[in-house]
Amino acid sequence: MNSYANKTPENKIADVANFVTKSASKIKLPYNFADNRPTAIAQLKLQQAVNNSLRLNGSTAGRVIQRMEEEKSIGERLSKRSAFKKMTDRQKKLFGGIDGDAARAGRRSDAADRSNAKRQELRDAVRRNLWNGRSRPAFTHDTLNQILAGTDSKARKKDGVKVYRCKDGKFYPRKKDRVGKEPFVSIDHNKNWKEYILSTAEPEEDGNISKVSASVAYNDLTNLVLMSSNQNSSKNGPKGVFD
């Protein structure tokens, strides 16, 4: 018996034709096809409805996907636009306002440059002992003694404590000699201390003011006044009168 593989092409074609013929002869059409025509039409309409639904659903899904892509694209453009607005002019020229990563790197670079420059500036100020323009110098012990030495004073009768005449015309003791919480003598500036330092302190060659010069100007007796601690209730003095 010859196998199928050993058959000639003509025999193989003949076998397939015989198989198709036998299969077709076994198919029986419904004898009442005409009677079932309404059912066939209904099935056809149902299939058309299903196809239409699939087509519509596919179209809706496509529109949703398209809308999502559009919103994603809009969000990316807005994000890049926001990053561009936050760039410095130098960054815009360097990066063209397009690459967000480059912009962030540029901002970090600028921040690092400013931070390094600030640290270097502070190191130079410390090394040269410069006044930073904000810190308030302190009154020296000699300043108070010099002011008190030129102020009217007397010994208080009840306890013999030395008291000094202040701006309000009354006499007050030094803080170390006071009894309880009574007012004591204090000093403050006639003119705003910061403005006075900036206008009178001797600057360095580059225009900066050293801490020593700032302290000298701060303790300048010509700009100081003696008053009670109640009157000089804060380090800035009475509002609108002293600093």
C-alpha atoms as a PDB file:
ATOM      1  CA  MET A   1       0.000   0.000   0.000  1.00  0.00           C
ATOM      2  CA  ASN A   2       1.392   3.346  -1.063  1.00  0.00           C
ATOM      3  CA  SER A   3       1.439   6.173   1.475  1.00  0.00           C
ATOM      4  CA  TYR A   4       0.042   9.644   0.767  1.00  0.00           C
ATOM      5  CA  ALA A   5       3.578  11.024   0.647  1.00  0.00           C
ATOM      6  CA  ASN A   6       4.481   8.661  -2.205  1.00  0.00           C
ATOM      7  CA  LYS A   7       1.528   9.683  -4.380  1.00  0.00           C
ATOM      8  CA  THR A   8       2.037  11.817  -7.422  1.00  0.00           C
ATOM      9  CA  PRO A   9       0.746  15.400  -7.473  1.00  0.00           C
ATOM     10  CA  GLU A  10      -2.013  14.361  -9.867  1.00  0.00           C
ATOM     11  CA  ASN A  11      -3.199  11.651  -7.446  1.00  0.00           C
ATOM     12  CA  LYS A  12      -3.140  14.085  -4.493  1.00  0.00           C
ATOM     13  CA  ILE A  13      -5.312  16.583  -6.399  1.00  0.00           C
ATOM     14  CA  ALA A  14      -7.730  13.820  -7.318  1.00  0.00           C
ATOM     15  CA  ASP A  15      -8.025  12.695  -3.689  1.00  0.00           C
ATOM     16  CA  VAL A  16      -8.845  16.228  -2.537  1.00  0.00           C
ATOM     17  CA  ALA A  17     -11.469  16.611  -5.271  1.00  0.00           C
ATOM     18  CA  ASN A  18     -13.114  13.317  -4.294  1.00  0.00           C
ATOM     19  CA  PHE A  19     -13.181  14.373  -0.619  1.00  0.00           C
ATOM     20  CA  VAL A  20     -14.846  17.696  -1.429  1.00  0.00           C
ATOM     21  CA  THR A  21     -17.413  15.994  -3.667  1.00  0.00           C
ATOM     22  CA  LYS A  22     -18.340  13.443  -0.982  1.00  0.00           C
ATOM     23  CA  SER A  23     -18.625  16.136   1.701  1.00  0.00           C
ATOM     24  CA  ALA A  24     -20.841  18.311  -0.449  1.00  0.00           C
ATOM     25  CA  SER A  25     -23.149  15.399  -1.189  1.00  0.00           C
ATOM     26  CA  LYS A  26     -23.790  14.953   2.530  1.00  0.00           C
ATOM     27  CA  ILE A  27     -25.059  18.557   3.017  1.00  0.00           C
ATOM     28  CA  LYS A  28     -28.855  18.747   3.173  1.00  0.00           C
ATOM     29  CA  LEU A  29     -30.655  22.033   2.701  1.00  0.00           C
ATOM     30  CA  PRO A  30     -33.710  22.621   4.927  1.00  0.00           C
ATOM     31  CA  TYR A  31     -36.790  21.583   3.063  1.00  0.00           C
ATOM     32  CA  ASN A  32     -38.733  24.482   4.528  1.00  0.00           C
ATOM     33  CA  PHE A  33     -36.166  27.216   3.707  1.00  0.00           C
ATOM     34  CA  ALA A  34     -38.917  29.451   2.352  1.00  0.00           C
ATOM     35  CA  ASP A  35     -40.861  29.056   5.579  1.00  0.00           C
ATOM     36  CA  ASN A  36     -37.767  29.996   7.638  1.00  0.00           C
ATOM     37  CA  ARG A  37     -37.061  33.121   5.608  1.00  0.00           C
ATOM     38  CA  PRO A  38     -38.374  35.538   8.326  1.00  0.00           C
ATOM     39  CA  THR A  39     -36.019  33.896  10.829  1.00  0.00           C
ATOM     40  CA  ALA A  40     -33.100  34.268   8.437  1.00  0.00           C
ATOM     41  CA  ILE A  41     -33.917  37.952   7.907  1.00  0.00           C
ATOM     42  CA  ALA A  42     -34.128  38.512  11.668  1.00  0.00           C
ATOM     43  CA  GLN A  43     -30.750  36.847  12.143  1.00  0.00           C
ATOM     44  CA  LEU A  44     -29.313  39.019   9.384  1.00  0.00           C
ATOM     45  CA  LYS A  45     -30.637  42.179  11.038  1.00  0.00           C
ATOM     46  CA  LEU A  46     -29.276  41.020  14.398  1.00  0.00           C
ATOM     47  CA  GLN A  47     -25.862  40.462  12.862  1.00  0.00           C
ATOM     48  CA  GLN A  48     -25.980  43.908  11.250  1.00  0.00           C
ATOM     49  CA  ALA A  49     -26.897  45.457  14.614  1.00  0.00           C
ATOM     50  CA  VAL A  50     -24.002  43.648  16.286  1.00  0.00           C
ATOM     51  CA  ASN A  51     -21.609  44.832  13.586  1.00  0.00           C
ATOM     52  CA  ASN A  52     -22.867  48.412  13.920  1.00  0.00           C
ATOM     53  CA  SER A  53     -22.449  48.259  17.703  1.00  0.00           C
ATOM     54  CA  LEU A  54     -18.924  46.970  17.375  1.00  0.00           C
ATOM     55  CA  ARG A  55     -18.125  49.653  14.843  1.00  0.00           C
ATOM     56  CA  LEU A  56     -19.576  52.402  17.072  1.00  0.00           C
ATOM     57  CA  ASN A  57     -17.855  51.092  20.188  1.00  0.00           C
ATOM     58  CA  GLY A  58     -14.612  50.856  18.313  1.00  0.00           C
ATOM     59  CA  SER A  59     -15.047  54.422  17.102  1.00  0.00           C
ATOM     60  CA  THR A  60     -15.826  55.654  20.647  1.00  0.00           C
ATOM     61  CA  ALA A  61     -12.811  53.872  22.067  1.00  0.00           C
ATOM     62  CA  GLY A  62     -10.713  55.373  19.324  1.00  0.00           C
ATOM     63  CA  ARG A  63     -11.960  58.851  20.143  1.00  0.00           C
ATOM     64  CA  VAL A  64     -11.231  58.309  23.860  1.00  0.00           C
ATOM     65  CA  ILE A  65      -7.714  57.140  23.112  1.00  0.00           C
ATOM     66  CA  GLN A  66      -7.193  60.054  20.738  1.00  0.00           C
ATOM     67  CA  ARG A  67      -8.446  62.495  23.389  1.00  0.00           C
ATOM     68  CA  MET A  68      -6.115  61.011  25.998  1.00  0.00           C
ATOM     69  CA  GLU A  69      -3.184  61.394  23.646  1.00  0.00           C
ATOM     70  CA  GLU A  70      -4.171  65.004  22.930  1.00  0.00           C
ATOM     71  CA  GLU A  71      -4.438  65.820  26.656  1.00  0.00           C
ATOM     72  CA  LYS A  72      -1.095  64.161  27.302  1.00  0.00           C
ATOM     73  CA  SER A  73       0.438  66.222  24.529  1.00  0.00           C
ATOM     74  CA  ILE A  74      -1.125  69.426  25.912  1.00  0.00           C
ATOM     75  CA  GLY A  75       0.140  68.607  29.420  1.00  0.00           C
ATOM     76  CA  GLU A  76       3.658  68.043  28.141  1.00  0.00           C
ATOM     77  CA  ARG A  77       3.609  71.346  26.253  1.00  0.00           C
ATOM     78  CA  LEU A  78       2.338  73.233  29.319  1.00  0.00           C
ATOM     79  CA  SER A  79       4.980  71.599  31.505  1.00  0.00           C
ATOM     80  CA  LYS A  80       7.733  72.635  29.096  1.00  0.00           C
ATOM     81  CA  ARG A  81       6.269  76.121  28.837  1.00  0.00           C
ATOM     82  CA  SER A  82       6.224  76.442  32.647  1.00  0.00           C
ATOM     83  CA  ALA A  83       9.824  75.278  32.870  1.00  0.00           C
ATOM     84  CA  PHE A  84      10.762  77.768  30.171  1.00  0.00           C
ATOM     85  CA  LYS A  85       9.152  80.679  32.047  1.00  0.00           C
ATOM     86  CA  LYS A  86      11.123  79.826  35.190  1.00  0.00           C
ATOM     87  CA  MET A  87      14.448  79.897  33.357  1.00  0.00           C
ATOM     88  CA  THR A  88      16.829  82.781  33.574  1.00  0.00           C
ATOM     89  CA  ASP A  89      17.723  84.616  30.383  1.00  0.00           C
ATOM     90  CA  ARG A  90      21.044  82.821  30.341  1.00  0.00           C
ATOM     91  CA  GLN A  91      19.325  79.439  30.609  1.00  0.00           C
ATOM     92  CA  LYS A  92      16.893  80.299  27.825  1.00  0.00           C
ATOM     93  CA  LYS A  93      19.774  81.100  25.517  1.00  0.00           C
ATOM     94  CA  LEU A  94      21.717  78.050  26.619  1.00  0.00           C
ATOM     95  CA  PHE A  95      18.950  75.446  26.511  1.00  0.00           C
ATOM     96  CA  GLY A  96      16.490  77.049  24.096  1.00  0.00           C
ATOM     97  CA  GLY A  97      13.633  76.529  26.520  1.00  0.00           C
ATOM     98  CA  ILE A  98      12.985  72.999  25.285  1.00  0.00           C
ATOM     99  CA  ASP A  99      14.830  70.446  27.374  1.00  0.00           C
ATOM    100  CA  GLY A 100      13.247  70.261  30.832  1.00  0.00           C
ATOM    101  CA  ASP A 101      16.090  68.158  32.221  1.00  0.00           C
ATOM    102  CA  ALA A 102      18.599  70.685  30.947  1.00  0.00           C
ATOM    103  CA  ALA A 103      16.551  73.487  32.483  1.00  0.00           C
ATOM    104  CA  ARG A 104      16.490  71.772  35.852  1.00  0.00           C
ATOM    105  CA  ALA A 105      20.206  71.122  35.586  1.00  0.00           C
ATOM    106  CA  GLY A 106      20.684  74.783  34.743  1.00  0.00           C
ATOM    107  CA  ARG A 107      18.670  75.892  37.760  1.00  0.00           C
ATOM    108  CA  ARG A 108      20.670  73.589  39.992  1.00  0.00           C
ATOM    109  CA  SER A 109      23.869  74.921  38.461  1.00  0.00           C
ATOM    110  CA  ASP A 110      22.793  78.527  39.010  1.00  0.00           C
ATOM    111  CA  ALA A 111      21.762  77.784  42.588  1.00  0.00           C
ATOM    112  CA  ALA A 112      25.088  76.096  43.241  1.00  0.00           C
ATOM    113  CA  ASP A 113      26.961  79.044  41.740  1.00  0.00           C
ATOM    114  CA  ARG A 114      25.046  81.511  43.920  1.00  0.00           C
ATOM    115  CA  SER A 115      25.538  79.348  46.990  1.00  0.00           C
ATOM    116  CA  ASN A 116      29.267  79.005  46.368  1.00  0.00           C
ATOM    117  CA  ALA A 117      29.593  82.734  45.727  1.00  0.00           C
ATOM    118  CA  LYS A 118      27.709  83.508  48.938  1.00  0.00           C
ATOM    119  CA  ARG A 119      29.879  81.145  50.961  1.00  0.00           C
ATOM    120  CA  GLN A 120      33.008  82.690  49.499  1.00  0.00           C
ATOM    121  CA  GLU A 121      31.679  86.144  50.311  1.00  0.00           C
ATOM    122  CA  LEU A 122      31.001  85.125  53.910  1.00  0.00           C
ATOM    123  CA  ARG A 123      34.440  83.556  54.225  1.00  0.00           C
ATOM    124  CA  ASP A 124      36.047  86.752  52.970  1.00  0.00           C
ATOM    125  CA  ALA A 125      33.939  88.816  55.380  1.00  0.00           C
ATOM    126  CA  VAL A 126      34.965  86.635  58.324  1.00  0.00           C
ATOM    127  CA  ARG A 127      38.604  86.672  57.286  1.00  0.00           C
ATOM    128  CA  ARG A 128      38.601  90.455  56.945  1.00  0.00           C
ATOM    129  CA  ASN A 129      36.359  90.909  60.019  1.00  0.00           C
ATOM    130  CA  LEU A 130      33.771  92.904  58.050  1.00  0.00           C
ATOM    131  CA  TRP A 131      30.412  94.128  59.320  1.00  0.00           C
ATOM    132  CA  ASN A 132      27.562  92.426  57.457  1.00  0.00           C
ATOM    133  CA  GLY A 133      25.337  95.515  57.418  1.00  0.00           C
ATOM    134  CA  ARG A 134      22.637  93.852  59.548  1.00  0.00           C
ATOM    135  CA  SER A 135      24.027  92.786  62.907  1.00  0.00           C
ATOM    136  CA  ARG A 136      23.641  95.302  65.695  1.00  0.00           C
ATOM    137  CA  PRO A 137      26.912  96.046  67.529  1.00  0.00           C
ATOM    138  CA  ALA A 138      26.908  96.178  71.329  1.00  0.00           C
ATOM    139  CA  PHE A 139      27.466  99.016  73.746  1.00  0.00           C
ATOM    140  CA  THR A 140      30.812  98.736  75.459  1.00  0.00           C
ATOM    141  CA  HIS A 141      31.235  98.999  79.217  1.00  0.00           C
ATOM    142  CA  ASP A 142      33.351 102.120  78.752  1.00  0.00           C
ATOM    143  CA  THR A 143      30.582 103.824  76.768  1.00  0.00           C
ATOM    144  CA  LEU A 144      28.137 103.749  79.675  1.00  0.00           C
ATOM    145  CA  ASN A 145      30.834 104.830  82.132  1.00  0.00           C
ATOM    146  CA  GLN A 146      31.782 107.824  79.965  1.00  0.00           C
ATOM    147  CA  ILE A 147      28.168 108.940  79.631  1.00  0.00           C
ATOM    148  CA  LEU A 148      27.525 108.575  83.363  1.00  0.00           C
ATOM    149  CA  ALA A 149      30.726 110.467  84.145  1.00  0.00           C
ATOM    150  CA  GLY A 150      29.337 113.519  82.338  1.00  0.00           C
ATOM    151  CA  THR A 151      25.809 113.238  83.763  1.00  0.00           C
ATOM    152  CA  ASP A 152      24.321 114.934  86.838  1.00  0.00           C
ATOM    153  CA  SER A 153      24.212 112.467  89.711  1.00  0.00           C
ATOM    154  CA  LYS A 154      23.560 112.261  93.437  1.00  0.00           C
ATOM    155  CA  ALA A 155      23.351 109.780  96.285  1.00  0.00           C
ATOM    156  CA  ARG A 156      19.828 108.697  97.105  1.00  0.00           C
ATOM    157  CA  LYS A 157      18.894 109.565 100.703  1.00  0.00           C
ATOM    158  CA  LYS A 158      17.053 106.371 101.627  1.00  0.00           C
ATOM    159  CA  ASP A 159      19.845 103.941 100.717  1.00  0.00           C
ATOM    160  CA  GLY A 160      22.794 106.027  99.515  1.00  0.00           C
ATOM    161  CA  VAL A 161      22.673 104.496  96.013  1.00  0.00           C
ATOM    162  CA  LYS A 162      24.078 106.779  93.338  1.00  0.00           C
ATOM    163  CA  VAL A 163      21.434 107.826  90.817  1.00  0.00           C
ATOM    164  CA  TYR A 164      21.740 109.723  87.516  1.00  0.00           C
ATOM    165  CA  ARG A 165      19.555 112.286  85.798  1.00  0.00           C
ATOM    166  CA  CYS A 166      17.993 110.933  82.615  1.00  0.00           C
ATOM    167  CA  LYS A 167      16.256 112.573  79.672  1.00  0.00           C
ATOM    168  CA  ASP A 168      12.927 112.822  81.520  1.00  0.00           C
ATOM    169  CA  GLY A 169      14.586 114.830  84.332  1.00  0.00           C
ATOM    170  CA  LYS A 170      14.286 112.072  86.924  1.00  0.00           C
ATOM    171  CA  PHE A 171      17.097 110.175  88.648  1.00  0.00           C
ATOM    172  CA  TYR A 172      17.672 106.450  88.243  1.00  0.00           C
ATOM    173  CA  PRO A 173      20.317 103.999  89.509  1.00  0.00           C
ATOM    174  CA  ARG A 174      22.491 101.719  87.426  1.00  0.00           C
ATOM    175  CA  LYS A 175      21.007  98.314  86.728  1.00  0.00           C
ATOM    176  CA  LYS A 176      23.345  96.602  89.181  1.00  0.00           C
ATOM    177  CA  ASP A 177      22.300  99.014  91.977  1.00  0.00           C
ATOM    178  CA  ARG A 178      18.526  99.013  91.489  1.00  0.00           C
ATOM    179  CA  VAL A 179      16.124  97.751  94.122  1.00  0.00           C
ATOM    180  CA  GLY A 180      13.713  95.083  92.950  1.00  0.00           C
ATOM    181  CA  LYS A 181      12.291  95.887  89.534  1.00  0.00           C
ATOM    182  CA  GLU A 182      12.656  99.652  89.663  1.00  0.00           C
ATOM    183  CA  PRO A 183      13.700 101.428  86.428  1.00  0.00           C
ATOM    184  CA  PHE A 184      17.404 101.939  85.787  1.00  0.00           C
ATOM    185  CA  VAL A 185      19.574 104.021  83.485  1.00  0.00           C
ATOM    186  CA  SER A 186      20.019 102.932  79.857  1.00  0.00           C
ATOM    187  CA  ILE A 187      21.378 104.446  76.677  1.00  0.00           C
ATOM    188  CA  ASP A 188      20.028 104.710  73.158  1.00  0.00           C
ATOM    189  CA  HIS A 189      20.713 106.540  69.910  1.00  0.00           C
ATOM    190  CA  ASN A 190      19.403 109.906  68.809  1.00  0.00           C
ATOM    191  CA  LYS A 191      19.652 108.855  65.161  1.00  0.00           C
ATOM    192  CA  ASN A 192      18.980 105.423  63.720  1.00  0.00           C
ATOM    193  CA  TRP A 193      22.041 103.358  64.561  1.00  0.00           C
ATOM    194  CA  LYS A 194      22.282 101.578  61.206  1.00  0.00           C
ATOM    195  CA  GLU A 195      21.999 104.751  59.168  1.00  0.00           C
ATOM    196  CA  TYR A 196      24.493 106.416  61.505  1.00  0.00           C
ATOM    197  CA  ILE A 197      27.029 103.611  60.985  1.00  0.00           C
ATOM    198  CA  LEU A 198      26.636 103.716  57.219  1.00  0.00           C
ATOM    199  CA  SER A 199      27.044 107.485  57.124  1.00  0.00           C
ATOM    200  CA  THR A 200      29.861 107.963  59.648  1.00  0.00           C
ATOM    201  CA  ALA A 201      31.893 104.733  59.901  1.00  0.00           C
ATOM    202  CA  GLU A 202      35.238 104.796  58.118  1.00  0.00           C
ATOM    203  CA  PRO A 203      35.052 102.329  55.204  1.00  0.00           C
ATOM    204  CA  GLU A 204      37.738 100.036  53.869  1.00  0.00           C
ATOM    205  CA  GLU A 205      39.379 100.639  50.491  1.00  0.00           C
ATOM    206  CA  ASP A 206      36.700  98.581  48.734  1.00  0.00           C
ATOM    207  CA  GLY A 207      33.863 100.399  50.503  1.00  0.00           C
ATOM    208  CA  ASN A 208      33.091  97.706  53.093  1.00  0.00           C
ATOM    209  CA  ILE A 209      32.880  98.571  56.791  1.00  0.00           C
ATOM    210  CA  SER A 210      34.818  96.574  59.339  1.00  0.00           C
ATOM    211  CA  LYS A 211      33.264  95.411  62.597  1.00  0.00           C
ATOM    212  CA  VAL A 212      35.630  97.656  64.509  1.00  0.00           C
ATOM    213  CA  SER A 213      34.552 100.756  62.569  1.00  0.00           C
ATOM    214  CA  ALA A 214      30.886  99.800  62.972  1.00  0.00           C
ATOM    215  CA  SER A 215      31.330  99.420  66.733  1.00  0.00           C
ATOM    216  CA  VAL A 216      33.086 102.795  67.007  1.00  0.00           C
ATOM    217  CA  ALA A 217      30.232 104.521  65.182  1.00  0.00           C
ATOM    218  CA  TYR A 218      27.639 102.646  67.234  1.00  0.00           C
ATOM    219  CA  ASN A 219      29.253 103.824  70.490  1.00  0.00           C
ATOM    220  CA  ASP A 220      29.756 107.420  69.330  1.00  0.00           C
ATOM    221  CA  LEU A 221      28.816 109.548  72.372  1.00  0.00           C
ATOM    222  CA  THR A 222      27.517 112.383  70.207  1.00  0.00           C
ATOM    223  CA  ASN A 223      24.695 110.141  69.027  1.00  0.00           C
ATOM    224  CA  LEU A 224      23.793 108.680  72.426  1.00  0.00           C
ATOM    225  CA  VAL A 225      21.302 109.753  75.055  1.00  0.00           C
ATOM    226  CA  LEU A 226      20.720 108.563  78.632  1.00  0.00           C
ATOM    227  CA  MET A 227      17.170 107.509  79.496  1.00  0.00           C
ATOM    228  CA  SER A 228      15.337 105.254  81.908  1.00  0.00           C
ATOM    229  CA  SER A 229      14.735 101.623  81.066  1.00  0.00           C
ATOM    230  CA  ASN A 230      10.998 102.306  81.040  1.00  0.00           C
ATOM    231  CA  GLN A 231      11.407 104.977  78.387  1.00  0.00           C
ATOM    232  CA  ASN A 232      13.851 102.862  76.436  1.00  0.00           C
ATOM    233  CA  SER A 233      11.520  99.867  76.609  1.00  0.00           C
ATOM    234  CA  SER A 234      13.009  98.107  73.605  1.00  0.00           C
ATOM    235  CA  LYS A 235      16.369  97.929  71.930  1.00  0.00           C
ATOM    236  CA  ASN A 236      15.043 100.232  69.204  1.00  0.00           C
ATOM    237  CA  GLY A 237      13.886 102.959  71.589  1.00  0.00           C
ATOM    238  CA  PRO A 238      10.587 104.868  71.617  1.00  0.00           C
ATOM    239  CA  LYS A 239       8.903 104.751  68.225  1.00  0.00           C
ATOM    240  CA  GLY A 240       9.321 107.948  66.230  1.00  0.00           C
ATOM    241  CA  VAL A 241      11.829 109.422  68.704  1.00  0.00           C
ATOM    242  CA  PHE A 242      14.858 107.140  68.823  1.00  0.00           C
ATOM    243  CA  ASP A 243      15.970 104.179  66.792  1.00  0.00           C
END
